[in-house]
Each structure stands twice: as structure tokens, then as C-alpha cells.
PDB file of N, CA and C in Angstrom:
ATOM      1  N   MET A   1       0.730  -1.135   0.049  1.00  0.00           N
ATOM      2  CA  MET A   1      -0.096   0.153  -0.198  1.00  0.00           C
ATOM      3  C   MET A   1       1.070   1.521  -0.042  1.00  0.00           C
ATOM      4  N   ARG A   2       2.113   1.270   0.529  1.00  0.00           N
ATOM      5  CA  ARG A   2       2.831   2.300   0.921  1.00  0.00           C
ATOM      6  C   ARG A   2       3.269   2.843  -0.680  1.00  0.00           C
ATOM      7  N   ARG A   3       3.463   1.733  -1.561  1.00  0.00           N
ATOM      8  CA  ARG A   3       3.882   2.471  -2.899  1.00  0.00           C
ATOM      9  C   ARG A   3       2.644   3.213  -3.494  1.00  0.00           C
ATOM     10  N   LYS A   4       1.693   3.078  -3.344  1.00  0.00           N
ATOM     11  CA  LYS A   4       0.305   3.439  -4.107  1.00  0.00           C
ATOM     12  C   LYS A   4       0.171   4.929  -3.222  1.00  0.00           C
ATOM     13  N   VAL A   5       0.324   4.856  -1.890  1.00  0.00           N
ATOM     14  CA  VAL A   5      -0.016   6.057  -1.086  1.00  0.00           C
ATOM     15  C   VAL A   5       1.364   6.185  -0.324  1.00  0.00           C
ATOM     16  N   PRO A   6       2.108   6.972  -0.900  1.00  0.00           N
ATOM     17  CA  PRO A   6       3.520   7.192  -0.215  1.00  0.00           C
ATOM     18  C   PRO A   6       3.511   7.937   0.728  1.00  0.00           C
ATOM     19  N   GLY A   7       2.541   8.957   1.103  1.00  0.00           N
ATOM     20  CA  GLY A   7       2.505   9.746   2.025  1.00  0.00           C
ATOM     21  C   GLY A   7       1.828   9.146   3.390  1.00  0.00           C
ATOM     22  N   ALA A   8       1.644   7.712   3.387  1.00  0.00           N
ATOM     23  CA  ALA A   8       1.172   7.314   4.512  1.00  0.00           C
ATOM     24  C   ALA A   8       2.521   6.643   5.278  1.00  0.00           C
ATOM     25  N   ASN A   9       2.235   6.916   6.462  1.00  0.00           N
ATOM     26  CA  ASN A   9       3.673   6.440   7.284  1.00  0.00           C
ATOM     27  C   ASN A   9       3.285   4.882   7.458  1.00  0.00           C
ATOM     28  N   LEU A  10       4.344   3.803   7.712  1.00  0.00           N
ATOM     29  CA  LEU A  10       4.020   2.720   8.017  1.00  0.00           C
ATOM     30  C   LEU A  10       2.808   2.340   8.760  1.00  0.00           C
ATOM     31  N   ARG A  11       3.054   2.733  10.005  1.00  0.00           N
ATOM     32  CA  ARG A  11       1.991   2.429  11.004  1.00  0.00           C
ATOM     33  C   ARG A  11       0.536   2.681  10.500  1.00  0.00           C
ATOM     34  N   LEU A  12       0.387   3.733   9.877  1.00  0.00           N
ATOM     35  CA  LEU A  12      -1.157   4.165   9.322  1.00  0.00           C
ATOM     36  C   LEU A  12      -1.439   2.782   8.149  1.00  0.00           C
ATOM     37  N   SER A  13      -0.422   2.778   7.702  1.00  0.00           N
ATOM     38  CA  SER A  13      -0.600   1.691   6.078  1.00  0.00           C
ATOM     39  C   SER A  13      -0.680   0.527   7.025  1.00  0.00           C
ATOM     40  N   ARG A  14      -0.269   0.078   8.052  1.00  0.00           N
ATOM     41  CA  ARG A  14      -0.550  -1.363   8.611  1.00  0.00           C
ATOM     42  C   ARG A  14      -1.878  -1.439   9.167  1.00  0.00           C
ATOM     43  N   GLU A  15      -2.295  -0.195   9.961  1.00  0.00           N
ATOM     44  CA  GLU A  15      -3.531  -0.297  10.335  1.00  0.00           C
ATOM     45  C   GLU A  15      -4.642  -0.001   9.414  1.00  0.00           C
ATOM     46  N   VAL A  16      -4.653   0.283   8.395  1.00  0.00           N
ATOM     47  CA  VAL A  16      -5.656   0.643   7.285  1.00  0.00           C
ATOM     48  C   VAL A  16      -5.975  -0.742   6.844  1.00  0.00           C
ATOM     49  N   VAL A  17      -4.691  -1.715   6.409  1.00  0.00           N
ATOM     50  CA  VAL A  17      -4.993  -2.641   6.170  1.00  0.00           C
ATOM     51  C   VAL A  17      -5.572  -3.864   6.942  1.00  0.00           C
ATOM     52  N   ALA A  18      -5.270  -3.691   8.257  1.00  0.00           N
ATOM     53  CA  ALA A  18      -6.024  -4.619   9.157  1.00  0.00           C
ATOM     54  C   ALA A  18      -7.118  -4.158   9.312  1.00  0.00           C
ATOM     55  N   PHE A  19      -7.661  -2.865   9.379  1.00  0.00           N
ATOM     56  CA  PHE A  19      -9.158  -2.317   9.662  1.00  0.00           C
ATOM     57  C   PHE A  19      -9.881  -2.798   8.425  1.00  0.00           C
ATOM     58  N   THR A  20      -9.449  -2.688   7.059  1.00  0.00           N
ATOM     59  CA  THR A  20     -10.043  -2.923   6.060  1.00  0.00           C
ATOM     60  C   THR A  20     -10.570  -4.653   5.956  1.00  0.00           C
ATOM     61  N   GLN A  21      -9.336  -5.266   6.259  1.00  0.00           N
ATOM     62  CA  GLN A  21      -9.465  -6.694   6.627  1.00  0.00           C
ATOM     63  C   GLN A  21     -10.381  -7.413   7.319  1.00  0.00           C
ATOM     64  N   ARG A  22     -10.770  -6.556   8.393  1.00  0.00           N
ATOM     65  CA  ARG A  22     -11.672  -6.984   9.356  1.00  0.00           C
ATOM     66  C   ARG A  22     -12.936  -6.430   8.863  1.00  0.00           C
ATOM     67  N   LEU A  23     -13.249  -5.355   8.247  1.00  0.00           N
ATOM     68  CA  LEU A  23     -14.311  -4.723   7.555  1.00  0.00           C
ATOM     69  C   LEU A  23     -14.963  -6.045   6.700  1.00  0.00           C
ATOM     70  N   ARG A  24     -14.117  -6.631   6.033  1.00  0.00           N
ATOM     71  CA  ARG A  24     -14.198  -7.527   4.935  1.00  0.00           C
ATOM     72  C   ARG A  24     -14.955  -8.920   5.482  1.00  0.00           C
ATOM     73  N   THR A  25     -14.594  -9.237   6.701  1.00  0.00           N
ATOM     74  CA  THR A  25     -15.233 -10.205   7.712  1.00  0.00           C
ATOM     75  C   THR A  25     -16.879 -10.032   7.942  1.00  0.00           C
ATOM     76  N   MET A  26     -17.121  -8.777   7.815  1.00  0.00           N
ATOM     77  CA  MET A  26     -18.484  -8.517   8.303  1.00  0.00           C
ATOM     78  C   MET A  26     -19.399  -8.610   7.198  1.00  0.00           C
ATOM     79  N   ASP A  27     -20.708  -8.701   7.443  1.00  0.00           N
ATOM     80  CA  ASP A  27     -21.802  -8.966   6.547  1.00  0.00           C
ATOM     81  C   ASP A  27     -21.992  -7.715   5.905  1.00  0.00           C
ATOM     82  N   LEU A  28     -21.427  -7.163   4.806  1.00  0.00           N
ATOM     83  CA  LEU A  28     -21.771  -5.999   4.323  1.00  0.00           C
ATOM     84  C   LEU A  28     -22.381  -6.135   2.939  1.00  0.00           C
ATOM     85  N   PHE A  29     -22.802  -5.372   2.498  1.00  0.00           N
ATOM     86  CA  PHE A  29     -23.415  -5.584   0.945  1.00  0.00           C
ATOM     87  C   PHE A  29     -22.226  -5.355  -0.033  1.00  0.00           C
ATOM     88  N   LYS A  30     -21.381  -4.636   0.066  1.00  0.00           N
ATOM     89  CA  LYS A  30     -20.175  -4.744  -0.599  1.00  0.00           C
ATOM     90  C   LYS A  30     -18.875  -4.255   0.381  1.00  0.00           C
ATOM     91  N   ALA A  31     -18.014  -5.426   0.309  1.00  0.00           N
ATOM     92  CA  ALA A  31     -16.932  -5.319   1.181  1.00  0.00           C
ATOM     93  C   ALA A  31     -15.948  -4.339   0.413  1.00  0.00           C
ATOM     94  N   PRO A  32     -15.244  -3.562   1.247  1.00  0.00           N
ATOM     95  CA  PRO A  32     -14.154  -2.295   0.624  1.00  0.00           C
ATOM     96  C   PRO A  32     -13.193  -3.219  -0.325  1.00  0.00           C
ATOM     97  N   GLY A  33     -12.748  -2.763  -1.381  1.00  0.00           N
ATOM     98  CA  GLY A  33     -11.934  -3.337  -2.331  1.00  0.00           C
ATOM     99  C   GLY A  33     -10.722  -2.682  -2.146  1.00  0.00           C
ATOM    100  N   ILE A  34      -9.719  -2.960  -3.116  1.00  0.00           N
ATOM    101  CA  ILE A  34      -8.186  -2.526  -3.069  1.00  0.00           C
ATOM    102  C   ILE A  34      -8.456  -0.899  -3.405  1.00  0.00           C
ATOM    103  N   ALA A  35      -9.130  -0.395  -4.183  1.00  0.00           N
ATOM    104  CA  ALA A  35      -9.188   0.981  -4.945  1.00  0.00           C
ATOM    105  C   ALA A  35     -10.113   1.615  -3.391  1.00  0.00           C
ATOM    106  N   GLU A  36     -11.044   1.269  -2.793  1.00  0.00           N
ATOM    107  CA  GLU A  36     -11.739   2.038  -1.944  1.00  0.00           C
ATOM    108  C   GLU A  36     -10.639   2.186  -0.751  1.00  0.00           C
ATOM    109  N   THR A  37      -9.826   0.784  -0.609  1.00  0.00           N
ATOM    110  CA  THR A  37      -8.906   1.061   0.740  1.00  0.00           C
ATOM    111  C   THR A  37      -7.712   2.224   0.263  1.00  0.00           C
ATOM    112  N   LEU A  38      -7.130   2.324  -0.762  1.00  0.00           N
ATOM    113  CA  LEU A  38      -6.111   3.116  -1.354  1.00  0.00           C
ATOM    114  C   LEU A  38      -7.024   4.337  -1.261  1.00  0.00           C
ATOM    115  N   ASP A  39      -8.008   4.623  -1.353  1.00  0.00           N
ATOM    116  CA  ASP A  39      -8.866   6.130  -1.642  1.00  0.00           C
ATOM    117  C   ASP A  39      -8.827   6.626  -0.307  1.00  0.00           C
ATOM    118  N   TRP A  40      -9.339   5.632   0.689  1.00  0.00           N
ATOM    119  CA  TRP A  40      -9.406   5.908   2.032  1.00  0.00           C
ATOM    120  C   TRP A  40      -7.991   6.221   2.717  1.00  0.00           C
ATOM    121  N   ALA A  41      -7.081   5.585   2.388  1.00  0.00           N
ATOM    122  CA  ALA A  41      -5.883   6.125   2.711  1.00  0.00           C
ATOM    123  C   ALA A  41      -5.163   7.438   2.379  1.00  0.00           C
ATOM    124  N   GLU A  42      -5.739   7.663   1.278  1.00  0.00           N
ATOM    125  CA  GLU A  42      -5.109   8.933   0.810  1.00  0.00           C
ATOM    126  C   GLU A  42      -6.100  10.126   1.327  1.00  0.00           C
ATOM    127  N   ALA A  43      -7.247   9.723   1.765  1.00  0.00           N
ATOM    128  CA  ALA A  43      -8.157  10.821   2.440  1.00  0.00           C
ATOM    129  C   ALA A  43      -7.327  10.808   4.055  1.00  0.00           C
ATOM    130  N   LEU A  44      -7.229   9.941   4.578  1.00  0.00           N
ATOM    131  CA  LEU A  44      -6.266   9.921   5.797  1.00  0.00           C
ATOM    132  C   LEU A  44      -5.203  10.632   5.742  1.00  0.00           C
ATOM    133  N   VAL A  45      -4.281  10.430   4.784  1.00  0.00           N
ATOM    134  CA  VAL A  45      -3.060  11.382   4.753  1.00  0.00           C
ATOM    135  C   VAL A  45      -3.240  12.887   4.292  1.00  0.00           C
ATOM    136  N   ALA A  46      -4.372  12.854   3.648  1.00  0.00           N
ATOM    137  CA  ALA A  46      -4.596  14.428   3.301  1.00  0.00           C
ATOM    138  C   ALA A  46      -5.098  15.134   4.720  1.00  0.00           C
ATOM    139  N   LEU A  47      -5.956  14.153   5.526  1.00  0.00           N
ATOM    140  CA  LEU A  47      -6.294  14.871   6.815  1.00  0.00           C
ATOM    141  C   LEU A  47      -4.984  14.946   7.773  1.00  0.00           C
ATOM    142  N   ASP A  48      -3.607  14.628   7.549  1.00  0.00           N
ATOM    143  CA  ASP A  48      -2.407  14.488   8.456  1.00  0.00           C
ATOM    144  C   ASP A  48      -2.641  13.329   9.538  1.00  0.00           C
ATOM    145  N   LYS A  49      -3.064  12.221   9.235  1.00  0.00           N
ATOM    146  CA  LYS A  49      -3.626  11.151  10.229  1.00  0.00           C
ATOM    147  C   LYS A  49      -2.181  10.428  10.242  1.00  0.00           C
ATOM    148  N   ILE A  50      -1.811  10.064  11.238  1.00  0.00           N
ATOM    149  CA  ILE A  50      -0.685   9.151  11.263  1.00  0.00           C
ATOM    150  C   ILE A  50      -0.928   7.648  11.923  1.00  0.00           C
ATOM    151  N   ALA A  51      -2.220   7.560  12.491  1.00  0.00           N
ATOM    152  CA  ALA A  51      -2.542   6.501  12.902  1.00  0.00           C
ATOM    153  C   ALA A  51      -4.049   6.602  12.939  1.00  0.00           C
ATOM    154  N   LEU A  52      -5.043   5.496  12.797  1.00  0.00           N
ATOM    155  CA  LEU A  52      -6.476   5.239  12.888  1.00  0.00           C
ATOM    156  C   LEU A  52      -6.968   5.800  14.247  1.00  0.00           C
ATOM    157  N   ASP A  53      -8.062   6.365  14.443  1.00  0.00           N
ATOM    158  CA  ASP A  53      -8.790   6.580  15.833  1.00  0.00           C
ATOM    159  C   ASP A  53     -10.107   6.615  15.247  1.00  0.00           C
ATOM    160  N   PRO A  54     -11.123   6.102  16.391  1.00  0.00           N
ATOM    161  CA  PRO A  54     -12.642   5.754  15.898  1.00  0.00           C
ATOM    162  C   PRO A  54     -13.369   7.044  15.436  1.00  0.00           C
ATOM    163  N   GLU A  55     -12.880   8.334  15.922  1.00  0.00           N
ATOM    164  CA  GLU A  55     -13.609   9.577  15.339  1.00  0.00           C
ATOM    165  C   GLU A  55     -13.461   9.498  13.936  1.00  0.00           C
ATOM    166  N   THR A  56     -12.051   9.604  13.431  1.00  0.00           N
ATOM    167  CA  THR A  56     -11.671   9.605  12.398  1.00  0.00           C
ATOM    168  C   THR A  56     -12.317   8.692  11.378  1.00  0.00           C
ATOM    169  N   VAL A  57     -12.275   7.499  11.819  1.00  0.00           N
ATOM    170  CA  VAL A  57     -12.644   6.448  10.969  1.00  0.00           C
ATOM    171  C   VAL A  57     -14.418   6.645  11.015  1.00  0.00           C
ATOM    172  N   ALA A  58     -15.242   7.179  11.740  1.00  0.00           N
ATOM    173  CA  ALA A  58     -16.479   7.665  11.721  1.00  0.00           C
ATOM    174  C   ALA A  58     -16.781   8.746  10.476  1.00  0.00           C
ATOM    175  N   ASN A  59     -16.074   9.694  10.652  1.00  0.00           N
ATOM    176  CA  ASN A  59     -15.945  10.677   9.694  1.00  0.00           C
ATOM    177  C   ASN A  59     -15.438  10.548   8.370  1.00  0.00           C
ATOM    178  N   THR A  60     -14.726   9.468   8.205  1.00  0.00           N
ATOM    179  CA  THR A  60     -14.388   9.209   6.676  1.00  0.00           C
ATOM    180  C   THR A  60     -14.609   7.758   6.086  1.00  0.00           C
ATOM    181  N   LEU A  61     -15.232   7.177   6.669  1.00  0.00           N
ATOM    182  CA  LEU A  61     -16.013   5.888   6.486  1.00  0.00           C
ATOM    183  C   LEU A  61     -16.570   5.794   5.024  1.00  0.00           C
ATOM    184  N   GLY A  62     -17.251   6.821   4.641  1.00  0.00           N
ATOM    185  CA  GLY A  62     -18.110   6.962   3.211  1.00  0.00           C
ATOM    186  C   GLY A  62     -16.755   6.836   2.079  1.00  0.00           C
ATOM    187  N   ALA A  63     -15.560   7.098   2.389  1.00  0.00           N
ATOM    188  CA  ALA A  63     -14.655   6.691   1.355  1.00  0.00           C
ATOM    189  C   ALA A  63     -14.146   5.289   1.107  1.00  0.00           C
ATOM    190  N   LEU A  64     -14.369   4.494   2.327  1.00  0.00           N
ATOM    191  CA  LEU A  64     -14.301   3.200   2.054  1.00  0.00           C
ATOM    192  C   LEU A  64     -15.349   2.337   1.780  1.00  0.00           C
ATOM    193  N   LEU A  65     -16.449   2.611   2.149  1.00  0.00           N
ATOM    194  CA  LEU A  65     -17.808   1.798   1.946  1.00  0.00           C
ATOM    195  C   LEU A  65     -18.784   2.898   1.318  1.00  0.00           C
ATOM    196  N   LYS A  66     -19.292   2.196   0.181  1.00  0.00           N
ATOM    197  CA  LYS A  66     -20.205   2.918  -0.785  1.00  0.00           C
ATOM    198  C   LYS A  66     -21.364   2.728  -0.484  1.00  0.00           C
ATOM    199  N   TYR A  67     -22.152   1.919   0.352  1.00  0.00           N
ATOM    200  CA  TYR A  67     -23.404   1.863   0.431  1.00  0.00           C
ATOM    201  C   TYR A  67     -23.786   2.416   2.134  1.00  0.00           C
ATOM    202  N   GLN A  68     -24.826   3.532   2.167  1.00  0.00           N
ATOM    203  CA  GLN A  68     -25.339   3.884   3.421  1.00  0.00           C
ATOM    204  C   GLN A  68     -25.575   2.754   4.509  1.00  0.00           C
ATOM    205  N   ASP A  69     -26.046   1.579   4.061  1.00  0.00           N
ATOM    206  CA  ASP A  69     -26.570   0.528   5.187  1.00  0.00           C
ATOM    207  C   ASP A  69     -25.131  -0.057   5.882  1.00  0.00           C
ATOM    208  N   ASP A  70     -24.072  -0.073   4.861  1.00  0.00           N
ATOM    209  CA  ASP A  70     -22.973  -0.530   5.170  1.00  0.00           C
ATOM    210  C   ASP A  70     -22.274   0.309   6.254  1.00  0.00           C
ATOM    211  N   ILE A  71     -22.238   1.466   5.670  1.00  0.00           N
ATOM    212  CA  ILE A  71     -21.806   2.833   6.849  1.00  0.00           C
ATOM    213  C   ILE A  71     -22.702   2.824   8.244  1.00  0.00           C
ATOM    214  N   GLY A  72     -23.865   2.689   8.185  1.00  0.00           N
ATOM    215  CA  GLY A  72     -24.590   2.324   9.535  1.00  0.00           C
ATOM    216  C   GLY A  72     -24.353   1.179  10.143  1.00  0.00           C
ATOM    217  N   ALA A  73     -23.921   0.192   9.316  1.00  0.00           N
ATOM    218  CA  ALA A  73     -23.358  -1.123  10.224  1.00  0.00           C
ATOM    219  C   ALA A  73     -22.112  -1.130  11.166  1.00  0.00           C
ATOM    220  N   VAL A  74     -21.245   0.082  10.918  1.00  0.00           N
ATOM    221  CA  VAL A  74     -20.068   0.316  11.351  1.00  0.00           C
ATOM    222  C   VAL A  74     -20.563   1.430  12.458  1.00  0.00           C
ATOM    223  N   THR A  75     -21.233   0.886  13.462  1.00  0.00           N
ATOM    224  CA  THR A  75     -21.379   2.040  14.750  1.00  0.00           C
ATOM    225  C   THR A  75     -20.120   2.098  15.267  1.00  0.00           C
ATOM    226  N   GLN A  76     -20.160   3.187  16.167  1.00  0.00           N
ATOM    227  CA  GLN A  76     -19.158   3.808  16.860  1.00  0.00           C
ATOM    228  C   GLN A  76     -18.561   2.717  17.812  1.00  0.00           C
ATOM    229  N   GLU A  77     -19.420   1.763  18.059  1.00  0.00           N
ATOM    230  CA  GLU A  77     -18.668   0.949  19.051  1.00  0.00           C
ATOM    231  C   GLU A  77     -17.940  -0.262  18.453  1.00  0.00           C
ATOM    232  N   VAL A  78     -18.628  -0.670  17.198  1.00  0.00           N
ATOM    233  CA  VAL A  78     -18.088  -1.554  15.994  1.00  0.00           C
ATOM    234  C   VAL A  78     -16.527  -0.759  15.629  1.00  0.00           C
ATOM    235  N   ALA A  79     -16.763   0.784  15.230  1.00  0.00           N
ATOM    236  CA  ALA A  79     -15.515   1.312  15.030  1.00  0.00           C
ATOM    237  C   ALA A  79     -14.412   1.249  15.887  1.00  0.00           C
ATOM    238  N   THR A  80     -14.543   1.623  17.033  1.00  0.00           N
ATOM    239  CA  THR A  80     -13.735   1.411  18.534  1.00  0.00           C
ATOM    240  C   THR A  80     -12.982  -0.186  18.421  1.00  0.00           C
ATOM    241  N   GLN A  81     -13.950  -1.107  18.381  1.00  0.00           N
ATOM    242  CA  GLN A  81     -13.167  -2.384  18.415  1.00  0.00           C
ATOM    243  C   GLN A  81     -12.386  -2.718  17.488  1.00  0.00           C
ATOM    244  N   LEU A  82     -12.590  -2.242  16.027  1.00  0.00           N
ATOM    245  CA  LEU A  82     -11.942  -2.419  15.070  1.00  0.00           C
ATOM    246  C   LEU A  82     -10.527  -1.641  14.784  1.00  0.00           C
ATOM    247  N   VAL A  83     -10.928  -0.641  15.284  1.00  0.00           N
ATOM    248  CA  VAL A  83      -9.599   0.176  15.733  1.00  0.00           C
ATOM    249  C   VAL A  83      -8.680  -0.209  16.325  1.00  0.00           C
ATOM    250  N   GLY A  84      -9.133  -0.781  17.747  1.00  0.00           N
ATOM    251  CA  GLY A  84      -8.298  -1.399  18.647  1.00  0.00           C
ATOM    252  C   GLY A  84      -7.617  -2.657  18.109  1.00  0.00           C
ATOM    253  N   GLU A  85      -8.120  -3.480  17.633  1.00  0.00           N
ATOM    254  CA  GLU A  85      -7.795  -4.589  16.668  1.00  0.00           C
ATOM    255  C   GLU A  85      -6.823  -4.448  15.920  1.00  0.00           C
ATOM    256  N   ALA A  86      -7.020  -3.529  15.133  1.00  0.00           N
ATOM    257  CA  ALA A  86      -6.011  -2.957  13.908  1.00  0.00           C
ATOM    258  C   ALA A  86      -4.849  -2.479  14.528  1.00  0.00           C
ATOM    259  N   ARG A  87      -4.764  -1.617  15.877  1.00  0.00           N
ATOM    260  CA  ARG A  87      -3.613  -1.021  16.208  1.00  0.00           C
ATOM    261  C   ARG A  87      -3.019  -2.056  16.902  1.00  0.00           C
ATOM    262  N   ARG A  88      -3.409  -2.952  17.425  1.00  0.00           N
ATOM    263  CA  ARG A  88      -2.790  -4.390  18.148  1.00  0.00           C
ATOM    264  C   ARG A  88      -2.096  -5.068  17.181  1.00  0.00           C
ATOM    265  N   GLU A  89      -2.669  -5.389  15.903  1.00  0.00           N
ATOM    266  CA  GLU A  89      -2.115  -6.383  15.073  1.00  0.00           C
ATOM    267  C   GLU A  89      -0.750  -5.247  14.312  1.00  0.00           C
ATOM    268  N   ALA A  90      -1.064  -4.044  13.791  1.00  0.00           N
ATOM    269  CA  ALA A  90      -0.340  -3.252  13.316  1.00  0.00           C
ATOM    270  C   ALA A  90       1.237  -3.131  14.459  1.00  0.00           C
ATOM    271  N   ALA A  91       0.916  -2.994  15.604  1.00  0.00           N
ATOM    272  CA  ALA A  91       2.091  -2.888  16.419  1.00  0.00           C
ATOM    273  C   ALA A  91       2.792  -4.364  16.736  1.00  0.00           C
ATOM    274  N   ALA A  92       1.937  -5.126  16.545  1.00  0.00           N
ATOM    275  CA  ALA A  92       2.847  -6.476  16.552  1.00  0.00           C
ATOM    276  C   ALA A  92       3.496  -6.839  15.295  1.00  0.00           C
ATOM    277  N   GLU A  93       2.975  -6.313  14.209  1.00  0.00           N
ATOM    278  CA  GLU A  93       3.865  -6.480  13.204  1.00  0.00           C
ATOM    279  C   GLU A  93       4.777  -5.529  12.929  1.00  0.00           C
ATOM    280  N   LEU A  94       5.050  -4.402  13.510  1.00  0.00           N
ATOM    281  CA  LEU A  94       5.850  -3.532  13.763  1.00  0.00           C
ATOM    282  C   LEU A  94       6.916  -3.567  14.894  1.00  0.00           C
ATOM    283  N   GLY A  95       6.563  -4.473  15.803  1.00  0.00           N
ATOM    284  CA  GLY A  95       7.521  -5.019  16.865  1.00  0.00           C
ATOM    285  C   GLY A  95       7.364  -3.807  17.996  1.00  0.00           C
ATOM    286  N   LEU A  96       6.297  -3.293  18.140  1.00  0.00           N
ATOM    287  CA  LEU A  96       5.879  -1.912  19.148  1.00  0.00           C
ATOM    288  C   LEU A  96       5.474  -2.824  20.253  1.00  0.00           C
TER     289      LEU A  96
END
């Protein structure tokens, strides 16, 4: 992902990938693909984000998910859980 979105730091890249992979396990009408993931990462970089947080996820989910029902399925509670899991996975991969 860092080749396609060079402004994303390693931590953000890993967290975005981990978060997106978790979304793909949910029962969504249309799971996010590679293009949506890259678009979302670019949006996060444009917002000067260096890591995911639940508030930013909630505010930018429309870049990742295309259907309102899917966006609605990712409640604040779900977003917080997925962000926590993505952070832990990214930290483990980075040896933090």
C-alpha cells in the first residue's frame, strides 16, 4: 500500500490494511476493495493522520464503504473495536 499512497507512514498503512481486512469479515453489501482502501488511505493522509482513531474512522467511512447501510453497520462501538484490533495487529507486526 505504501507504494500507491507514499504519504502514509508505515503504522497508518498497517492499521488501514488490518482495519479493512476486518471489515471484509463483516456481513456487508459490498466489502471494501483495493481501490476503496487506497482512496481511504489517501484521505487519511490528506487529513494528516498518522494512525487510526474511532472518530476519524466514523468521519471518513464514506470513502471506504459505498452503501449507507454498510456505513450504518459500522457503529461507533464497532469502529472502536475494529480500530483497537487493527492497532494491536499493526503494533505486533512492527514490533512495538
